[in-house]
Amino acid sequence: MISARIRYVLLALAAVGLLAAGLAWAKAGVWTGAVGSLYLTCACLLGCARIRATIARRQDEQELELEALTPGRWTEPWAGWCCERGWLTHADLHHPDCTGAGAQQR
């Protein structure tokens, strides 16, 4: 299956090409070709809008699924870490609650 991004780009390029063809037909005075090309341009643009709406809906669904997995949006990165016990040895990064020698050293 072709990804949504590729389908979107292909439809957008088709819309630009059909718009150019429609304008060329109109300049040449062939109104049937111009109207047909411009109609297809609108169809391509509506397809692009539908793809964008589908992508937005899927992103909303994924956000709801993630919210169901993690009840709180913010996860404390220091939860369970203590520099006094040697679990954290990365330069001067310390848990805010560290009060021992490990937190006082820099």
N, C-alpha and C. Protein backbone atom coordinates (compact mmCIF):
# COMPACT_ATOMS: atom_id res chain seq x y z
N MET A 1 0.84 -1.18 0.00
CA MET A 1 0.00 0.00 0.00
C MET A 1 0.89 1.24 0.00
N ILE A 2 0.51 2.21 -0.78
CA ILE A 2 1.28 3.45 -0.89
C ILE A 2 0.99 4.30 0.34
N SER A 3 2.04 4.88 0.90
CA SER A 3 1.85 5.68 2.11
C SER A 3 1.06 6.95 1.79
N ALA A 4 0.47 7.51 2.82
CA ALA A 4 -0.37 8.70 2.65
C ALA A 4 0.45 9.88 2.15
N ARG A 5 1.67 9.99 2.60
CA ARG A 5 2.51 11.11 2.17
C ARG A 5 2.79 11.04 0.67
N ILE A 6 3.07 9.84 0.17
CA ILE A 6 3.34 9.69 -1.26
C ILE A 6 2.07 9.95 -2.06
N ARG A 7 0.94 9.41 -1.60
CA ARG A 7 -0.33 9.67 -2.29
C ARG A 7 -0.65 11.16 -2.31
N TYR A 8 -0.39 11.84 -1.21
CA TYR A 8 -0.66 13.27 -1.13
C TYR A 8 0.20 14.03 -2.13
N VAL A 9 1.48 13.71 -2.18
CA VAL A 9 2.40 14.39 -3.11
C VAL A 9 1.99 14.11 -4.55
N LEU A 10 1.65 12.86 -4.86
CA LEU A 10 1.24 12.53 -6.22
C LEU A 10 -0.04 13.26 -6.62
N LEU A 11 -1.00 13.33 -5.72
CA LEU A 11 -2.24 14.06 -6.03
C LEU A 11 -1.98 15.56 -6.19
N ALA A 12 -1.11 16.11 -5.37
CA ALA A 12 -0.79 17.53 -5.48
C ALA A 12 -0.09 17.82 -6.81
N LEU A 13 0.84 16.95 -7.20
CA LEU A 13 1.52 17.13 -8.49
C LEU A 13 0.55 16.97 -9.65
N ALA A 14 -0.37 16.02 -9.53
CA ALA A 14 -1.39 15.84 -10.57
C ALA A 14 -2.28 17.08 -10.66
N ALA A 15 -2.61 17.67 -9.52
CA ALA A 15 -3.43 18.88 -9.52
C ALA A 15 -2.71 20.03 -10.22
N VAL A 16 -1.43 20.18 -9.95
CA VAL A 16 -0.65 21.24 -10.60
C VAL A 16 -0.58 20.99 -12.10
N GLY A 17 -0.32 19.75 -12.49
CA GLY A 17 -0.25 19.42 -13.91
C GLY A 17 -1.58 19.63 -14.62
N LEU A 18 -2.66 19.23 -13.98
CA LEU A 18 -3.98 19.42 -14.59
C LEU A 18 -4.37 20.90 -14.65
N LEU A 19 -3.95 21.67 -13.66
CA LEU A 19 -4.20 23.11 -13.70
C LEU A 19 -3.47 23.74 -14.88
N ALA A 20 -2.20 23.36 -15.05
CA ALA A 20 -1.43 23.89 -16.19
C ALA A 20 -2.06 23.47 -17.51
N ALA A 21 -2.50 22.22 -17.59
CA ALA A 21 -3.14 21.75 -18.82
C ALA A 21 -4.45 22.50 -19.07
N GLY A 22 -5.22 22.72 -18.01
CA GLY A 22 -6.48 23.45 -18.16
C GLY A 22 -6.26 24.88 -18.63
N LEU A 23 -5.24 25.52 -18.09
CA LEU A 23 -4.93 26.89 -18.53
C LEU A 23 -4.44 26.90 -19.98
N ALA A 24 -3.67 25.88 -20.36
CA ALA A 24 -3.21 25.79 -21.75
C ALA A 24 -4.38 25.56 -22.70
N TRP A 25 -5.31 24.69 -22.30
CA TRP A 25 -6.50 24.46 -23.12
C TRP A 25 -7.32 25.75 -23.23
N ALA A 26 -7.45 26.48 -22.13
CA ALA A 26 -8.23 27.73 -22.16
C ALA A 26 -7.56 28.76 -23.06
N LYS A 27 -6.24 28.83 -23.01
CA LYS A 27 -5.52 29.78 -23.86
C LYS A 27 -5.67 29.43 -25.33
N ALA A 28 -5.73 28.12 -25.61
CA ALA A 28 -5.90 27.66 -26.99
C ALA A 28 -7.35 27.79 -27.45
N GLY A 29 -8.26 28.06 -26.54
CA GLY A 29 -9.66 28.23 -26.91
C GLY A 29 -10.46 26.95 -26.92
N VAL A 30 -9.91 25.86 -26.39
CA VAL A 30 -10.63 24.59 -26.33
C VAL A 30 -11.26 24.51 -24.94
N TRP A 31 -12.50 24.97 -24.85
CA TRP A 31 -13.13 25.11 -23.55
C TRP A 31 -13.53 23.78 -22.94
N THR A 32 -13.81 22.80 -23.76
CA THR A 32 -14.16 21.48 -23.22
C THR A 32 -12.97 20.88 -22.48
N GLY A 33 -11.79 20.96 -23.08
CA GLY A 33 -10.58 20.45 -22.42
C GLY A 33 -10.24 21.25 -21.19
N ALA A 34 -10.43 22.57 -21.25
CA ALA A 34 -10.12 23.43 -20.11
C ALA A 34 -11.03 23.11 -18.92
N VAL A 35 -12.33 22.99 -19.20
CA VAL A 35 -13.27 22.70 -18.12
C VAL A 35 -13.00 21.31 -17.54
N GLY A 36 -12.72 20.34 -18.40
CA GLY A 36 -12.42 18.98 -17.92
C GLY A 36 -11.18 18.95 -17.06
N SER A 37 -10.13 19.64 -17.50
CA SER A 37 -8.89 19.67 -16.73
C SER A 37 -9.08 20.37 -15.39
N LEU A 38 -9.80 21.47 -15.40
CA LEU A 38 -10.03 22.19 -14.15
C LEU A 38 -10.93 21.39 -13.21
N TYR A 39 -11.87 20.64 -13.76
CA TYR A 39 -12.70 19.75 -12.94
C TYR A 39 -11.84 18.68 -12.27
N LEU A 40 -10.93 18.09 -13.04
CA LEU A 40 -10.03 17.07 -12.47
C LEU A 40 -9.07 17.68 -11.46
N THR A 41 -8.68 18.95 -11.67
CA THR A 41 -7.85 19.65 -10.68
C THR A 41 -8.58 19.75 -9.35
N CYS A 42 -9.85 20.12 -9.41
CA CYS A 42 -10.66 20.21 -8.19
C CYS A 42 -10.79 18.84 -7.53
N ALA A 43 -10.96 17.79 -8.33
CA ALA A 43 -11.06 16.44 -7.77
C ALA A 43 -9.77 16.05 -7.06
N CYS A 44 -8.63 16.40 -7.64
CA CYS A 44 -7.35 16.09 -6.99
C CYS A 44 -7.20 16.87 -5.69
N LEU A 45 -7.60 18.13 -5.69
CA LEU A 45 -7.50 18.92 -4.46
C LEU A 45 -8.44 18.40 -3.38
N LEU A 46 -9.62 17.93 -3.77
CA LEU A 46 -10.51 17.32 -2.78
C LEU A 46 -9.91 16.02 -2.24
N GLY A 47 -9.21 15.27 -3.11
CA GLY A 47 -8.52 14.06 -2.65
C GLY A 47 -7.44 14.40 -1.64
N CYS A 48 -6.70 15.49 -1.90
CA CYS A 48 -5.67 15.93 -0.95
C CYS A 48 -6.30 16.30 0.39
N ALA A 49 -7.43 16.99 0.34
CA ALA A 49 -8.11 17.38 1.58
C ALA A 49 -8.58 16.15 2.34
N ARG A 50 -9.05 15.14 1.62
CA ARG A 50 -9.51 13.91 2.28
C ARG A 50 -8.34 13.18 2.93
N ILE A 51 -7.20 13.15 2.25
CA ILE A 51 -6.02 12.50 2.84
C ILE A 51 -5.61 13.23 4.11
N ARG A 52 -5.60 14.57 4.07
CA ARG A 52 -5.22 15.34 5.26
C ARG A 52 -6.19 15.11 6.41
N ALA A 53 -7.48 15.02 6.10
CA ALA A 53 -8.47 14.76 7.15
C ALA A 53 -8.29 13.37 7.75
N THR A 54 -7.99 12.39 6.90
CA THR A 54 -7.76 11.03 7.39
C THR A 54 -6.52 10.97 8.27
N ILE A 55 -5.47 11.66 7.86
CA ILE A 55 -4.24 11.69 8.66
C ILE A 55 -4.51 12.34 10.01
N ALA A 56 -5.24 13.44 10.01
CA ALA A 56 -5.55 14.12 11.28
C ALA A 56 -6.38 13.22 12.19
N ARG A 57 -7.35 12.50 11.61
CA ARG A 57 -8.17 11.60 12.41
C ARG A 57 -7.34 10.47 13.01
N ARG A 58 -6.44 9.92 12.21
CA ARG A 58 -5.58 8.83 12.71
C ARG A 58 -4.63 9.32 13.79
N GLN A 59 -4.12 10.55 13.63
CA GLN A 59 -3.25 11.09 14.67
C GLN A 59 -4.02 11.30 15.97
N ASP A 60 -5.27 11.75 15.86
CA ASP A 60 -6.10 11.90 17.06
C ASP A 60 -6.35 10.55 17.72
N GLU A 61 -6.60 9.52 16.90
CA GLU A 61 -6.82 8.18 17.45
C GLU A 61 -5.57 7.67 18.15
N GLN A 62 -4.40 7.91 17.55
CA GLN A 62 -3.16 7.48 18.17
C GLN A 62 -2.91 8.23 19.47
N GLU A 63 -3.25 9.50 19.50
CA GLU A 63 -3.08 10.27 20.73
C GLU A 63 -3.98 9.73 21.84
N LEU A 64 -5.20 9.35 21.49
CA LEU A 64 -6.10 8.76 22.49
C LEU A 64 -5.58 7.42 22.97
N GLU A 65 -5.01 6.61 22.06
CA GLU A 65 -4.44 5.33 22.47
C GLU A 65 -3.25 5.54 23.40
N LEU A 66 -2.40 6.51 23.10
CA LEU A 66 -1.26 6.79 23.98
C LEU A 66 -1.74 7.30 25.33
N GLU A 67 -2.78 8.11 25.32
CA GLU A 67 -3.32 8.62 26.58
C GLU A 67 -3.87 7.47 27.43
N ALA A 68 -4.44 6.46 26.77
CA ALA A 68 -4.96 5.31 27.51
C ALA A 68 -3.81 4.48 28.09
N LEU A 69 -2.68 4.44 27.40
CA LEU A 69 -1.54 3.67 27.89
C LEU A 69 -0.83 4.38 29.03
N THR A 70 -0.66 5.67 28.91
CA THR A 70 0.00 6.46 29.95
C THR A 70 -0.99 7.48 30.48
N PRO A 71 -1.52 7.26 31.69
CA PRO A 71 -2.55 8.16 32.21
C PRO A 71 -2.07 9.60 32.35
N GLY A 72 -0.87 9.81 32.79
CA GLY A 72 -0.33 11.16 32.90
C GLY A 72 0.54 11.45 31.70
N ARG A 73 0.43 12.65 31.14
CA ARG A 73 1.23 12.98 29.97
C ARG A 73 2.71 13.14 30.34
N TRP A 74 2.98 13.65 31.52
CA TRP A 74 4.36 13.89 31.90
C TRP A 74 4.84 12.74 32.77
N THR A 75 5.95 12.15 32.37
CA THR A 75 6.59 11.11 33.16
C THR A 75 7.86 11.70 33.74
N GLU A 76 7.99 11.63 35.03
CA GLU A 76 9.17 12.18 35.70
C GLU A 76 10.40 11.40 35.28
N PRO A 77 11.36 12.04 34.61
CA PRO A 77 12.53 11.30 34.14
C PRO A 77 13.44 10.82 35.27
N TRP A 78 13.35 11.45 36.45
CA TRP A 78 14.23 11.07 37.55
C TRP A 78 13.58 10.07 38.49
N ALA A 79 12.38 9.61 38.19
CA ALA A 79 11.68 8.72 39.10
C ALA A 79 12.49 7.45 39.34
N GLY A 80 12.77 7.14 40.61
CA GLY A 80 13.50 5.93 40.96
C GLY A 80 15.01 6.05 40.86
N TRP A 81 15.52 7.22 40.55
CA TRP A 81 16.97 7.38 40.41
C TRP A 81 17.52 8.07 41.65
N CYS A 82 18.66 7.63 42.06
CA CYS A 82 19.30 8.25 43.21
C CYS A 82 20.80 8.32 42.94
N CYS A 83 21.34 9.52 42.91
CA CYS A 83 22.76 9.64 42.62
C CYS A 83 23.61 9.21 43.81
N GLU A 84 23.03 9.19 45.02
CA GLU A 84 23.79 8.75 46.18
C GLU A 84 24.11 7.27 46.10
N ARG A 85 23.24 6.50 45.49
CA ARG A 85 23.46 5.05 45.40
C ARG A 85 24.20 4.66 44.13
N GLY A 86 24.56 5.63 43.34
CA GLY A 86 25.35 5.33 42.16
C GLY A 86 24.53 4.95 40.94
N TRP A 87 23.24 5.13 40.99
CA TRP A 87 22.43 4.79 39.81
C TRP A 87 22.57 5.85 38.73
N LEU A 88 22.92 7.05 39.14
CA LEU A 88 23.09 8.13 38.19
C LEU A 88 24.53 8.61 38.26
N THR A 89 25.26 8.44 37.21
CA THR A 89 26.68 8.82 37.22
C THR A 89 26.99 9.76 36.07
N HIS A 90 26.00 10.48 35.58
CA HIS A 90 26.20 11.33 34.41
C HIS A 90 26.48 12.77 34.84
N ALA A 91 27.72 13.14 34.96
CA ALA A 91 28.19 14.50 35.26
C ALA A 91 27.44 15.10 36.44
N ASP A 92 26.81 16.26 36.24
CA ASP A 92 26.17 16.94 37.36
C ASP A 92 24.65 16.82 37.33
N LEU A 93 24.12 15.80 36.67
CA LEU A 93 22.68 15.58 36.67
C LEU A 93 22.29 14.86 37.95
N HIS A 94 21.44 15.46 38.74
CA HIS A 94 21.02 14.87 40.01
C HIS A 94 19.52 14.98 40.15
N HIS A 95 18.97 14.03 40.88
CA HIS A 95 17.56 14.07 41.23
C HIS A 95 17.34 15.28 42.14
N PRO A 96 16.26 16.00 41.97
CA PRO A 96 16.04 17.18 42.82
C PRO A 96 15.99 16.88 44.31
N ASP A 97 15.68 15.64 44.70
CA ASP A 97 15.57 15.29 46.11
C ASP A 97 16.89 14.81 46.72
N CYS A 98 17.94 14.69 45.91
CA CYS A 98 19.22 14.22 46.45
C CYS A 98 19.76 15.24 47.44
N THR A 99 20.11 14.77 48.62
CA THR A 99 20.64 15.69 49.64
C THR A 99 22.00 15.25 50.14
N GLY A 100 22.45 14.10 49.69
CA GLY A 100 23.70 13.55 50.21
C GLY A 100 24.92 14.11 49.51
N ALA A 101 26.04 13.43 49.72
CA ALA A 101 27.32 13.88 49.19
C ALA A 101 27.32 13.89 47.67
N GLY A 102 26.58 12.96 47.07
CA GLY A 102 26.55 12.90 45.61
C GLY A 102 25.97 14.15 45.00
N ALA A 103 24.97 14.74 45.64
CA ALA A 103 24.33 15.93 45.09
C ALA A 103 25.15 17.18 45.38
N GLN A 104 25.94 17.14 46.46
CA GLN A 104 26.70 18.33 46.81
C GLN A 104 27.99 18.43 46.03
N GLN A 105 28.48 17.32 45.51
CA GLN A 105 29.69 17.34 44.70
C GLN A 105 29.36 17.86 43.32
N ARG A 106 30.27 18.61 42.75
CA ARG A 106 30.07 19.03 41.36
C ARG A 106 31.37 18.97 40.65
